[in-house]
Amino acid sequence: MSTKFFRICSLFVLTTFHSGSYAESAHEQDQFSLILQQLDAIERLATRAEAASTAEPVERYRFDYLRLSKDIQRIRQGVQGYMSPSRAQPRDPHEMVGDYRLDTPEAEASP
């Protein structure tokens, strides 16, 4: 399931950043609406994956679902802002991290 999830995320990112101009045509508006729907689908998949996660405390790494959720929200806000800008203003200079692996703290050794 995780491979399919990452393929969907990769496809979405490529689709999102492909266009370089304002959404002027009806076709482009439709495409951005589809992107927003895909974001919703990705978010639902991530929620299901998190619920089904069986991360054990002894595992060294686990997936950072909270960071993924924040990045999806950030992308959604960017697409919505592009589709219907309120007014010209500087863009948020923060970048997405893109690293969703959390290091699990090592358990203390028992005597």
PDB file of N, CA and C in Angstrom:
ATOM      1  N   MET A   1       0.820  -1.193   0.000  1.00  0.00           N
ATOM      2  CA  MET A   1       0.000   0.000   0.000  1.00  0.00           C
ATOM      3  C   MET A   1       0.863   1.255   0.000  1.00  0.00           C
ATOM      4  N   SER A   2       1.987   1.248   0.700  1.00  0.00           N
ATOM      5  CA  SER A   2       2.795   2.454   0.788  1.00  0.00           C
ATOM      6  C   SER A   2       3.413   2.819  -0.558  1.00  0.00           C
ATOM      7  N   THR A   3       3.756   1.839  -1.388  1.00  0.00           N
ATOM      8  CA  THR A   3       4.309   2.133  -2.703  1.00  0.00           C
ATOM      9  C   THR A   3       3.273   2.853  -3.556  1.00  0.00           C
ATOM     10  N   LYS A   4       2.050   2.386  -3.536  1.00  0.00           N
ATOM     11  CA  LYS A   4       0.975   3.018  -4.290  1.00  0.00           C
ATOM     12  C   LYS A   4       0.740   4.431  -3.769  1.00  0.00           C
ATOM     13  N   PHE A   5       0.778   4.594  -2.478  1.00  0.00           N
ATOM     14  CA  PHE A   5       0.578   5.901  -1.854  1.00  0.00           C
ATOM     15  C   PHE A   5       1.649   6.884  -2.318  1.00  0.00           C
ATOM     16  N   PHE A   6       2.906   6.464  -2.327  1.00  0.00           N
ATOM     17  CA  PHE A   6       3.987   7.352  -2.729  1.00  0.00           C
ATOM     18  C   PHE A   6       3.938   7.659  -4.225  1.00  0.00           C
ATOM     19  N   ARG A   7       3.475   6.714  -5.031  1.00  0.00           N
ATOM     20  CA  ARG A   7       3.307   6.978  -6.466  1.00  0.00           C
ATOM     21  C   ARG A   7       2.248   8.050  -6.674  1.00  0.00           C
ATOM     22  N   ILE A   8       1.158   7.958  -5.934  1.00  0.00           N
ATOM     23  CA  ILE A   8       0.093   8.955  -6.047  1.00  0.00           C
ATOM     24  C   ILE A   8       0.620  10.327  -5.624  1.00  0.00           C
ATOM     25  N   CYS A   9       1.359  10.368  -4.525  1.00  0.00           N
ATOM     26  CA  CYS A   9       1.925  11.636  -4.056  1.00  0.00           C
ATOM     27  C   CYS A   9       2.877  12.223  -5.090  1.00  0.00           C
ATOM     28  N   SER A  10       3.732  11.380  -5.662  1.00  0.00           N
ATOM     29  CA  SER A  10       4.684  11.849  -6.664  1.00  0.00           C
ATOM     30  C   SER A  10       3.969  12.392  -7.889  1.00  0.00           C
ATOM     31  N   LEU A  11       2.961  11.679  -8.356  1.00  0.00           N
ATOM     32  CA  LEU A  11       2.186  12.127  -9.506  1.00  0.00           C
ATOM     33  C   LEU A  11       1.517  13.455  -9.208  1.00  0.00           C
ATOM     34  N   PHE A  12       0.988  13.588  -8.028  1.00  0.00           N
ATOM     35  CA  PHE A  12       0.334  14.833  -7.648  1.00  0.00           C
ATOM     36  C   PHE A  12       1.316  15.995  -7.652  1.00  0.00           C
ATOM     37  N   VAL A  13       2.484  15.805  -7.064  1.00  0.00           N
ATOM     38  CA  VAL A  13       3.474  16.880  -6.990  1.00  0.00           C
ATOM     39  C   VAL A  13       3.902  17.300  -8.389  1.00  0.00           C
ATOM     40  N   LEU A  14       4.141  16.328  -9.278  1.00  0.00           N
ATOM     41  CA  LEU A  14       4.513  16.654 -10.646  1.00  0.00           C
ATOM     42  C   LEU A  14       3.408  17.423 -11.348  1.00  0.00           C
ATOM     43  N   THR A  15       2.186  17.017 -11.151  1.00  0.00           N
ATOM     44  CA  THR A  15       1.051  17.690 -11.779  1.00  0.00           C
ATOM     45  C   THR A  15       0.877  19.099 -11.229  1.00  0.00           C
ATOM     46  N   THR A  16       1.047  19.259  -9.947  1.00  0.00           N
ATOM     47  CA  THR A  16       0.840  20.553  -9.308  1.00  0.00           C
ATOM     48  C   THR A  16       1.843  21.590  -9.777  1.00  0.00           C
ATOM     49  N   PHE A  17       3.091  21.233  -9.869  1.00  0.00           N
ATOM     50  CA  PHE A  17       4.122  22.202 -10.177  1.00  0.00           C
ATOM     51  C   PHE A  17       4.435  22.301 -11.662  1.00  0.00           C
ATOM     52  N   HIS A  18       3.651  21.621 -12.504  1.00  0.00           N
ATOM     53  CA  HIS A  18       3.891  21.652 -13.940  1.00  0.00           C
ATOM     54  C   HIS A  18       3.498  22.990 -14.546  1.00  0.00           C
ATOM     55  N   SER A  19       2.398  23.561 -14.109  1.00  0.00           N
ATOM     56  CA  SER A  19       1.905  24.796 -14.695  1.00  0.00           C
ATOM     57  C   SER A  19       2.629  25.998 -14.110  1.00  0.00           C
ATOM     58  N   GLY A  20       2.929  26.984 -14.960  1.00  0.00           N
ATOM     59  CA  GLY A  20       3.659  28.148 -14.480  1.00  0.00           C
ATOM     60  C   GLY A  20       2.899  29.447 -14.628  1.00  0.00           C
ATOM     61  N   SER A  21       1.644  29.440 -15.046  1.00  0.00           N
ATOM     62  CA  SER A  21       0.891  30.675 -15.219  1.00  0.00           C
ATOM     63  C   SER A  21      -0.415  30.607 -14.441  1.00  0.00           C
ATOM     64  N   TYR A  22      -1.104  31.755 -14.385  1.00  0.00           N
ATOM     65  CA  TYR A  22      -2.370  31.796 -13.671  1.00  0.00           C
ATOM     66  C   TYR A  22      -3.419  30.948 -14.375  1.00  0.00           C
ATOM     67  N   ALA A  23      -4.324  30.420 -13.576  1.00  0.00           N
ATOM     68  CA  ALA A  23      -5.381  29.561 -14.126  1.00  0.00           C
ATOM     69  C   ALA A  23      -6.420  30.432 -14.812  1.00  0.00           C
ATOM     70  N   GLU A  24      -6.251  30.650 -16.116  1.00  0.00           N
ATOM     71  CA  GLU A  24      -7.147  31.534 -16.842  1.00  0.00           C
ATOM     72  C   GLU A  24      -8.225  30.778 -17.604  1.00  0.00           C
ATOM     73  N   SER A  25      -7.888  29.638 -18.169  1.00  0.00           N
ATOM     74  CA  SER A  25      -8.861  28.920 -18.990  1.00  0.00           C
ATOM     75  C   SER A  25      -9.732  28.008 -18.132  1.00  0.00           C
ATOM     76  N   ALA A  26     -10.887  27.678 -18.691  1.00  0.00           N
ATOM     77  CA  ALA A  26     -11.799  26.768 -17.995  1.00  0.00           C
ATOM     78  C   ALA A  26     -11.145  25.400 -17.831  1.00  0.00           C
ATOM     79  N   HIS A  27     -10.387  24.978 -18.841  1.00  0.00           N
ATOM     80  CA  HIS A  27      -9.700  23.681 -18.761  1.00  0.00           C
ATOM     81  C   HIS A  27      -8.701  23.679 -17.601  1.00  0.00           C
ATOM     82  N   GLU A  28      -7.965  24.757 -17.477  1.00  0.00           N
ATOM     83  CA  GLU A  28      -6.985  24.836 -16.397  1.00  0.00           C
ATOM     84  C   GLU A  28      -7.685  24.867 -15.038  1.00  0.00           C
ATOM     85  N   GLN A  29      -8.790  25.583 -14.945  1.00  0.00           N
ATOM     86  CA  GLN A  29      -9.558  25.601 -13.698  1.00  0.00           C
ATOM     87  C   GLN A  29     -10.024  24.183 -13.347  1.00  0.00           C
ATOM     88  N   ASP A  30     -10.488  23.448 -14.361  1.00  0.00           N
ATOM     89  CA  ASP A  30     -10.914  22.064 -14.141  1.00  0.00           C
ATOM     90  C   ASP A  30      -9.762  21.209 -13.638  1.00  0.00           C
ATOM     91  N   GLN A  31      -8.582  21.406 -14.217  1.00  0.00           N
ATOM     92  CA  GLN A  31      -7.419  20.629 -13.808  1.00  0.00           C
ATOM     93  C   GLN A  31      -7.051  20.910 -12.352  1.00  0.00           C
ATOM     94  N   PHE A  32      -7.103  22.163 -11.959  1.00  0.00           N
ATOM     95  CA  PHE A  32      -6.793  22.498 -10.568  1.00  0.00           C
ATOM     96  C   PHE A  32      -7.863  21.978  -9.610  1.00  0.00           C
ATOM     97  N   SER A  33      -9.100  21.943 -10.060  1.00  0.00           N
ATOM     98  CA  SER A  33     -10.157  21.341  -9.235  1.00  0.00           C
ATOM     99  C   SER A  33      -9.888  19.856  -9.034  1.00  0.00           C
ATOM    100  N   LEU A  34      -9.424  19.199 -10.092  1.00  0.00           N
ATOM    101  CA  LEU A  34      -9.059  17.781  -9.974  1.00  0.00           C
ATOM    102  C   LEU A  34      -7.888  17.594  -9.013  1.00  0.00           C
ATOM    103  N   ILE A  35      -6.942  18.499  -9.056  1.00  0.00           N
ATOM    104  CA  ILE A  35      -5.799  18.428  -8.129  1.00  0.00           C
ATOM    105  C   ILE A  35      -6.297  18.515  -6.691  1.00  0.00           C
ATOM    106  N   LEU A  36      -7.229  19.416  -6.424  1.00  0.00           N
ATOM    107  CA  LEU A  36      -7.766  19.538  -5.065  1.00  0.00           C
ATOM    108  C   LEU A  36      -8.496  18.266  -4.653  1.00  0.00           C
ATOM    109  N   GLN A  37      -9.212  17.648  -5.594  1.00  0.00           N
ATOM    110  CA  GLN A  37      -9.867  16.379  -5.285  1.00  0.00           C
ATOM    111  C   GLN A  37      -8.828  15.293  -4.997  1.00  0.00           C
ATOM    112  N   GLN A  38      -7.742  15.292  -5.746  1.00  0.00           N
ATOM    113  CA  GLN A  38      -6.680  14.310  -5.512  1.00  0.00           C
ATOM    114  C   GLN A  38      -6.015  14.530  -4.164  1.00  0.00           C
ATOM    115  N   LEU A  39      -5.869  15.780  -3.773  1.00  0.00           N
ATOM    116  CA  LEU A  39      -5.334  16.070  -2.436  1.00  0.00           C
ATOM    117  C   LEU A  39      -6.226  15.481  -1.355  1.00  0.00           C
ATOM    118  N   ASP A  40      -7.532  15.626  -1.534  1.00  0.00           N
ATOM    119  CA  ASP A  40      -8.469  15.040  -0.574  1.00  0.00           C
ATOM    120  C   ASP A  40      -8.304  13.530  -0.518  1.00  0.00           C
ATOM    121  N   ALA A  41      -8.134  12.905  -1.691  1.00  0.00           N
ATOM    122  CA  ALA A  41      -7.955  11.447  -1.745  1.00  0.00           C
ATOM    123  C   ALA A  41      -6.643  11.037  -1.073  1.00  0.00           C
ATOM    124  N   ILE A  42      -5.586  11.782  -1.312  1.00  0.00           N
ATOM    125  CA  ILE A  42      -4.297  11.477  -0.687  1.00  0.00           C
ATOM    126  C   ILE A  42      -4.408  11.606   0.827  1.00  0.00           C
ATOM    127  N   GLU A  43      -5.107  12.641   1.265  1.00  0.00           N
ATOM    128  CA  GLU A  43      -5.277  12.843   2.705  1.00  0.00           C
ATOM    129  C   GLU A  43      -6.057  11.680   3.332  1.00  0.00           C
ATOM    130  N   ARG A  44      -7.095  11.213   2.638  1.00  0.00           N
ATOM    131  CA  ARG A  44      -7.857  10.055   3.148  1.00  0.00           C
ATOM    132  C   ARG A  44      -6.980   8.802   3.185  1.00  0.00           C
ATOM    133  N   LEU A  45      -6.169   8.589   2.146  1.00  0.00           N
ATOM    134  CA  LEU A  45      -5.264   7.437   2.132  1.00  0.00           C
ATOM    135  C   LEU A  45      -4.268   7.504   3.293  1.00  0.00           C
ATOM    136  N   ALA A  46      -3.748   8.682   3.539  1.00  0.00           N
ATOM    137  CA  ALA A  46      -2.794   8.848   4.637  1.00  0.00           C
ATOM    138  C   ALA A  46      -3.452   8.579   5.985  1.00  0.00           C
ATOM    139  N   THR A  47      -4.698   9.033   6.133  1.00  0.00           N
ATOM    140  CA  THR A  47      -5.428   8.789   7.380  1.00  0.00           C
ATOM    141  C   THR A  47      -5.641   7.298   7.596  1.00  0.00           C
ATOM    142  N   ARG A  48      -6.027   6.596   6.520  1.00  0.00           N
ATOM    143  CA  ARG A  48      -6.196   5.133   6.621  1.00  0.00           C
ATOM    144  C   ARG A  48      -4.883   4.436   6.925  1.00  0.00           C
ATOM    145  N   ALA A  49      -3.818   4.876   6.268  1.00  0.00           N
ATOM    146  CA  ALA A  49      -2.504   4.265   6.499  1.00  0.00           C
ATOM    147  C   ALA A  49      -2.060   4.478   7.946  1.00  0.00           C
ATOM    148  N   GLU A  50      -2.318   5.665   8.470  1.00  0.00           N
ATOM    149  CA  GLU A  50      -1.948   5.943   9.863  1.00  0.00           C
ATOM    150  C   GLU A  50      -2.755   5.068  10.822  1.00  0.00           C
ATOM    151  N   ALA A  51      -4.042   4.918  10.542  1.00  0.00           N
ATOM    152  CA  ALA A  51      -4.893   4.086  11.391  1.00  0.00           C
ATOM    153  C   ALA A  51      -4.473   2.619  11.338  1.00  0.00           C
ATOM    154  N   ALA A  52      -4.010   2.179  10.183  1.00  0.00           N
ATOM    155  CA  ALA A  52      -3.599   0.784  10.018  1.00  0.00           C
ATOM    156  C   ALA A  52      -2.144   0.547  10.424  1.00  0.00           C
ATOM    157  N   SER A  53      -1.443   1.613  10.735  1.00  0.00           N
ATOM    158  CA  SER A  53      -0.033   1.508  11.090  1.00  0.00           C
ATOM    159  C   SER A  53       0.144   0.667  12.353  1.00  0.00           C
ATOM    160  N   THR A  54       1.110  -0.221  12.292  1.00  0.00           N
ATOM    161  CA  THR A  54       1.418  -1.060  13.452  1.00  0.00           C
ATOM    162  C   THR A  54       2.839  -0.787  13.916  1.00  0.00           C
ATOM    163  N   ALA A  55       3.195   0.496  13.969  1.00  0.00           N
ATOM    164  CA  ALA A  55       4.549   0.872  14.379  1.00  0.00           C
ATOM    165  C   ALA A  55       4.799   0.434  15.816  1.00  0.00           C
ATOM    166  N   GLU A  56       5.804  -0.344  15.979  1.00  0.00           N
ATOM    167  CA  GLU A  56       6.196  -0.809  17.305  1.00  0.00           C
ATOM    168  C   GLU A  56       7.179   0.201  17.907  1.00  0.00           C
ATOM    169  N   PRO A  57       7.172   0.352  19.209  1.00  0.00           N
ATOM    170  CA  PRO A  57       8.095   1.292  19.844  1.00  0.00           C
ATOM    171  C   PRO A  57       9.567   0.927  19.623  1.00  0.00           C
ATOM    172  N   VAL A  58       9.837  -0.307  19.244  1.00  0.00           N
ATOM    173  CA  VAL A  58      11.227  -0.716  19.052  1.00  0.00           C
ATOM    174  C   VAL A  58      11.725  -0.435  17.638  1.00  0.00           C
ATOM    175  N   GLU A  59      10.836  -0.030  16.720  1.00  0.00           N
ATOM    176  CA  GLU A  59      11.251   0.289  15.368  1.00  0.00           C
ATOM    177  C   GLU A  59      12.058   1.581  15.368  1.00  0.00           C
ATOM    178  N   ARG A  60      13.087   1.598  14.536  1.00  0.00           N
ATOM    179  CA  ARG A  60      13.952   2.762  14.508  1.00  0.00           C
ATOM    180  C   ARG A  60      13.291   3.949  13.814  1.00  0.00           C
ATOM    181  N   TYR A  61      12.549   3.692  12.752  1.00  0.00           N
ATOM    182  CA  TYR A  61      11.907   4.755  11.998  1.00  0.00           C
ATOM    183  C   TYR A  61      10.416   4.492  11.878  1.00  0.00           C
ATOM    184  N   ARG A  62       9.667   5.573  11.761  1.00  0.00           N
ATOM    185  CA  ARG A  62       8.252   5.469  11.465  1.00  0.00           C
ATOM    186  C   ARG A  62       7.872   6.673  10.612  1.00  0.00           C
ATOM    187  N   PHE A  63       6.738   6.593   9.950  1.00  0.00           N
ATOM    188  CA  PHE A  63       6.312   7.637   9.021  1.00  0.00           C
ATOM    189  C   PHE A  63       5.738   8.814   9.790  1.00  0.00           C
ATOM    190  N   ASP A  64       6.086  10.023   9.381  1.00  0.00           N
ATOM    191  CA  ASP A  64       5.606  11.245  10.036  1.00  0.00           C
ATOM    192  C   ASP A  64       4.330  11.726   9.344  1.00  0.00           C
ATOM    193  N   TYR A  65       3.192  11.188   9.778  1.00  0.00           N
ATOM    194  CA  TYR A  65       1.904  11.520   9.174  1.00  0.00           C
ATOM    195  C   TYR A  65       1.517  12.971   9.427  1.00  0.00           C
ATOM    196  N   LEU A  66       1.886  13.515  10.561  1.00  0.00           N
ATOM    197  CA  LEU A  66       1.552  14.905  10.869  1.00  0.00           C
ATOM    198  C   LEU A  66       2.233  15.850   9.877  1.00  0.00           C
ATOM    199  N   ARG A  67       3.496  15.612   9.589  1.00  0.00           N
ATOM    200  CA  ARG A  67       4.218  16.455   8.640  1.00  0.00           C
ATOM    201  C   ARG A  67       3.618  16.335   7.238  1.00  0.00           C
ATOM    202  N   LEU A  68       3.251  15.126   6.840  1.00  0.00           N
ATOM    203  CA  LEU A  68       2.613  14.928   5.542  1.00  0.00           C
ATOM    204  C   LEU A  68       1.307  15.713   5.479  1.00  0.00           C
ATOM    205  N   SER A  69       0.519  15.658   6.529  1.00  0.00           N
ATOM    206  CA  SER A  69      -0.750  16.380   6.569  1.00  0.00           C
ATOM    207  C   SER A  69      -0.534  17.882   6.432  1.00  0.00           C
ATOM    208  N   LYS A  70       0.462  18.404   7.106  1.00  0.00           N
ATOM    209  CA  LYS A  70       0.760  19.838   7.015  1.00  0.00           C
ATOM    210  C   LYS A  70       1.198  20.210   5.603  1.00  0.00           C
ATOM    211  N   ASP A  71       1.995  19.364   4.957  1.00  0.00           N
ATOM    212  CA  ASP A  71       2.427  19.643   3.587  1.00  0.00           C
ATOM    213  C   ASP A  71       1.256  19.586   2.614  1.00  0.00           C
ATOM    214  N   ILE A  72       0.337  18.654   2.811  1.00  0.00           N
ATOM    215  CA  ILE A  72      -0.848  18.576   1.949  1.00  0.00           C
ATOM    216  C   ILE A  72      -1.672  19.849   2.112  1.00  0.00           C
ATOM    217  N   GLN A  73      -1.831  20.305   3.351  1.00  0.00           N
ATOM    218  CA  GLN A  73      -2.568  21.543   3.596  1.00  0.00           C
ATOM    219  C   GLN A  73      -1.888  22.718   2.910  1.00  0.00           C
ATOM    220  N   ARG A  74      -0.582  22.741   2.970  1.00  0.00           N
ATOM    221  CA  ARG A  74       0.199  23.825   2.351  1.00  0.00           C
ATOM    222  C   ARG A  74       0.004  23.835   0.838  1.00  0.00           C
ATOM    223  N   ILE A  75       0.040  22.662   0.222  1.00  0.00           N
ATOM    224  CA  ILE A  75      -0.170  22.563  -1.219  1.00  0.00           C
ATOM    225  C   ILE A  75      -1.593  22.992  -1.560  1.00  0.00           C
ATOM    226  N   ARG A  76      -2.562  22.533  -0.770  1.00  0.00           N
ATOM    227  CA  ARG A  76      -3.966  22.891  -1.004  1.00  0.00           C
ATOM    228  C   ARG A  76      -4.147  24.414  -0.949  1.00  0.00           C
ATOM    229  N   GLN A  77      -3.563  25.053   0.042  1.00  0.00           N
ATOM    230  CA  GLN A  77      -3.676  26.500   0.166  1.00  0.00           C
ATOM    231  C   GLN A  77      -3.032  27.201  -1.024  1.00  0.00           C
ATOM    232  N   GLY A  78      -1.908  26.676  -1.501  1.00  0.00           N
ATOM    233  CA  GLY A  78      -1.242  27.270  -2.659  1.00  0.00           C
ATOM    234  C   GLY A  78      -2.084  27.169  -3.912  1.00  0.00           C
ATOM    235  N   VAL A  79      -2.689  26.009  -4.141  1.00  0.00           N
ATOM    236  CA  VAL A  79      -3.536  25.823  -5.323  1.00  0.00           C
ATOM    237  C   VAL A  79      -4.765  26.716  -5.222  1.00  0.00           C
ATOM    238  N   GLN A  80      -5.397  26.750  -4.064  1.00  0.00           N
ATOM    239  CA  GLN A  80      -6.579  27.587  -3.893  1.00  0.00           C
ATOM    240  C   GLN A  80      -6.234  29.071  -4.042  1.00  0.00           C
ATOM    241  N   GLY A  81      -5.089  29.461  -3.525  1.00  0.00           N
ATOM    242  CA  GLY A  81      -4.655  30.847  -3.665  1.00  0.00           C
ATOM    243  C   GLY A  81      -4.357  31.211  -5.108  1.00  0.00           C
ATOM    244  N   TYR A  82      -3.871  30.248  -5.868  1.00  0.00           N
ATOM    245  CA  TYR A  82      -3.598  30.465  -7.280  1.00  0.00           C
ATOM    246  C   TYR A  82      -4.893  30.574  -8.072  1.00  0.00           C
ATOM    247  N   MET A  83      -5.858  29.736  -7.734  1.00  0.00           N
ATOM    248  CA  MET A  83      -7.125  29.730  -8.460  1.00  0.00           C
ATOM    249  C   MET A  83      -7.946  30.987  -8.186  1.00  0.00           C
ATOM    250  N   SER A  84      -7.885  31.493  -6.984  1.00  0.00           N
ATOM    251  CA  SER A  84      -8.670  32.685  -6.648  1.00  0.00           C
ATOM    252  C   SER A  84      -7.864  33.566  -5.699  1.00  0.00           C
ATOM    253  N   PRO A  85      -6.890  34.289  -6.256  1.00  0.00           N
ATOM    254  CA  PRO A  85      -6.065  35.150  -5.399  1.00  0.00           C
ATOM    255  C   PRO A  85      -6.892  36.305  -4.839  1.00  0.00           C
ATOM    256  N   SER A  86      -6.684  36.607  -3.572  1.00  0.00           N
ATOM    257  CA  SER A  86      -7.437  37.691  -2.941  1.00  0.00           C
ATOM    258  C   SER A  86      -6.847  39.046  -3.344  1.00  0.00           C
ATOM    259  N   ARG A  87      -5.534  39.125  -3.369  1.00  0.00           N
ATOM    260  CA  ARG A  87      -4.829  40.333  -3.806  1.00  0.00           C
ATOM    261  C   ARG A  87      -3.357  39.979  -3.920  1.00  0.00           C
ATOM    262  N   ALA A  88      -2.636  40.812  -4.593  1.00  0.00           N
ATOM    263  CA  ALA A  88      -1.206  40.556  -4.763  1.00  0.00           C
ATOM    264  C   ALA A  88      -0.497  40.774  -3.432  1.00  0.00           C
ATOM    265  N   GLN A  89       0.232  39.775  -3.002  1.00  0.00           N
ATOM    266  CA  GLN A  89       1.012  39.880  -1.783  1.00  0.00           C
ATOM    267  C   GLN A  89       2.176  38.897  -1.861  1.00  0.00           C
ATOM    268  N   PRO A  90       3.201  39.128  -1.073  1.00  0.00           N
ATOM    269  CA  PRO A  90       4.367  38.241  -1.137  1.00  0.00           C
ATOM    270  C   PRO A  90       4.005  36.810  -0.755  1.00  0.00           C
ATOM    271  N   ARG A  91       4.688  35.880  -1.368  1.00  0.00           N
ATOM    272  CA  ARG A  91       4.465  34.471  -1.056  1.00  0.00           C
ATOM    273  C   ARG A  91       5.155  34.102   0.247  1.00  0.00           C
ATOM    274  N   ASP A  92       4.645  33.061   0.878  1.00  0.00           N
ATOM    275  CA  ASP A  92       5.233  32.542   2.103  1.00  0.00           C
ATOM    276  C   ASP A  92       6.580  31.903   1.757  1.00  0.00           C
ATOM    277  N   PRO A  93       7.676  32.361   2.361  1.00  0.00           N
ATOM    278  CA  PRO A  93       8.992  31.846   1.982  1.00  0.00           C
ATOM    279  C   PRO A  93       9.329  30.460   2.541  1.00  0.00           C
ATOM    280  N   HIS A  94       8.480  29.872   3.376  1.00  0.00           N
ATOM    281  CA  HIS A  94       8.766  28.570   3.957  1.00  0.00           C
ATOM    282  C   HIS A  94       8.680  27.486   2.891  1.00  0.00           C
ATOM    283  N   GLU A  95       9.551  26.526   2.989  1.00  0.00           N
ATOM    284  CA  GLU A  95       9.541  25.419   2.051  1.00  0.00           C
ATOM    285  C   GLU A  95       9.056  24.160   2.754  1.00  0.00           C
ATOM    286  N   MET A  96       8.518  23.238   1.949  1.00  0.00           N
ATOM    287  CA  MET A  96       8.121  21.950   2.512  1.00  0.00           C
ATOM    288  C   MET A  96       9.380  21.162   2.808  1.00  0.00           C
ATOM    289  N   VAL A  97       9.305  20.341   3.828  1.00  0.00           N
ATOM    290  CA  VAL A  97      10.451  19.542   4.226  1.00  0.00           C
ATOM    291  C   VAL A  97      10.585  18.312   3.340  1.00  0.00           C
ATOM    292  N   GLY A  98       9.510  17.567   3.184  1.00  0.00           N
ATOM    293  CA  GLY A  98       9.520  16.393   2.322  1.00  0.00           C
ATOM    294  C   GLY A  98      10.133  15.151   2.942  1.00  0.00           C
ATOM    295  N   ASP A  99      10.668  15.239   4.146  1.00  0.00           N
ATOM    296  CA  ASP A  99      11.242  14.082   4.821  1.00  0.00           C
ATOM    297  C   ASP A  99      10.238  13.626   5.864  1.00  0.00           C
ATOM    298  N   TYR A 100       9.636  12.457   5.638  1.00  0.00           N
ATOM    299  CA  TYR A 100       8.542  12.004   6.495  1.00  0.00           C
ATOM    300  C   TYR A 100       8.940  10.843   7.399  1.00  0.00           C
ATOM    301  N   ARG A 101      10.230  10.669   7.644  1.00  0.00           N
ATOM    302  CA  ARG A 101      10.667   9.583   8.495  1.00  0.00           C
ATOM    303  C   ARG A 101      11.000  10.147   9.868  1.00  0.00           C
ATOM    304  N   LEU A 102      10.418   9.563  10.894  1.00  0.00           N
ATOM    305  CA  LEU A 102      10.694   9.959  12.269  1.00  0.00           C
ATOM    306  C   LEU A 102      11.616   8.928  12.905  1.00  0.00           C
ATOM    307  N   ASP A 103      12.630   9.396  13.583  1.00  0.00           N
ATOM    308  CA  ASP A 103      13.473   8.486  14.343  1.00  0.00           C
ATOM    309  C   ASP A 103      12.773   8.188  15.656  1.00  0.00           C
ATOM    310  N   THR A 104      12.682   6.912  15.975  1.00  0.00           N
ATOM    311  CA  THR A 104      12.084   6.499  17.230  1.00  0.00           C
ATOM    312  C   THR A 104      13.183   6.529  18.284  1.00  0.00           C
ATOM    313  N   PRO A 105      12.947   7.229  19.407  1.00  0.00           N
ATOM    314  CA  PRO A 105      13.978   7.258  20.444  1.00  0.00           C
ATOM    315  C   PRO A 105      14.239   5.846  20.970  1.00  0.00           C
ATOM    316  N   GLU A 106      15.505   5.596  21.199  1.00  0.00           N
ATOM    317  CA  GLU A 106      15.874   4.270  21.711  1.00  0.00           C
ATOM    318  C   GLU A 106      15.363   4.087  23.134  1.00  0.00           C
ATOM    319  N   ALA A 107      14.822   2.923  23.393  1.00  0.00           N
ATOM    320  CA  ALA A 107      14.328   2.617  24.736  1.00  0.00           C
ATOM    321  C   ALA A 107      15.511   2.412  25.670  1.00  0.00           C
ATOM    322  N   GLU A 108      15.325   2.858  26.901  1.00  0.00           N
ATOM    323  CA  GLU A 108      16.394   2.669  27.883  1.00  0.00           C
ATOM    324  C   GLU A 108      16.514   1.195  28.230  1.00  0.00           C
ATOM    325  N   ALA A 109      17.716   0.772  28.410  1.00  0.00           N
ATOM    326  CA  ALA A 109      17.959  -0.638  28.739  1.00  0.00           C
ATOM    327  C   ALA A 109      17.434  -0.940  30.147  1.00  0.00           C
ATOM    328  N   SER A 110      16.776  -2.053  30.276  1.00  0.00           N
ATOM    329  CA  SER A 110      16.255  -2.477  31.567  1.00  0.00           C
ATOM    330  C   SER A 110      17.349  -3.219  32.326  1.00  0.00           C
ATOM    331  N   PRO A 111      17.440  -3.040  33.650  1.00  0.00           N
ATOM    332  CA  PRO A 111      18.490  -3.747  34.423  1.00  0.00           C
ATOM    333  C   PRO A 111      18.213  -5.216  34.562  1.00  0.00           C
TER     334      PRO A 111
END
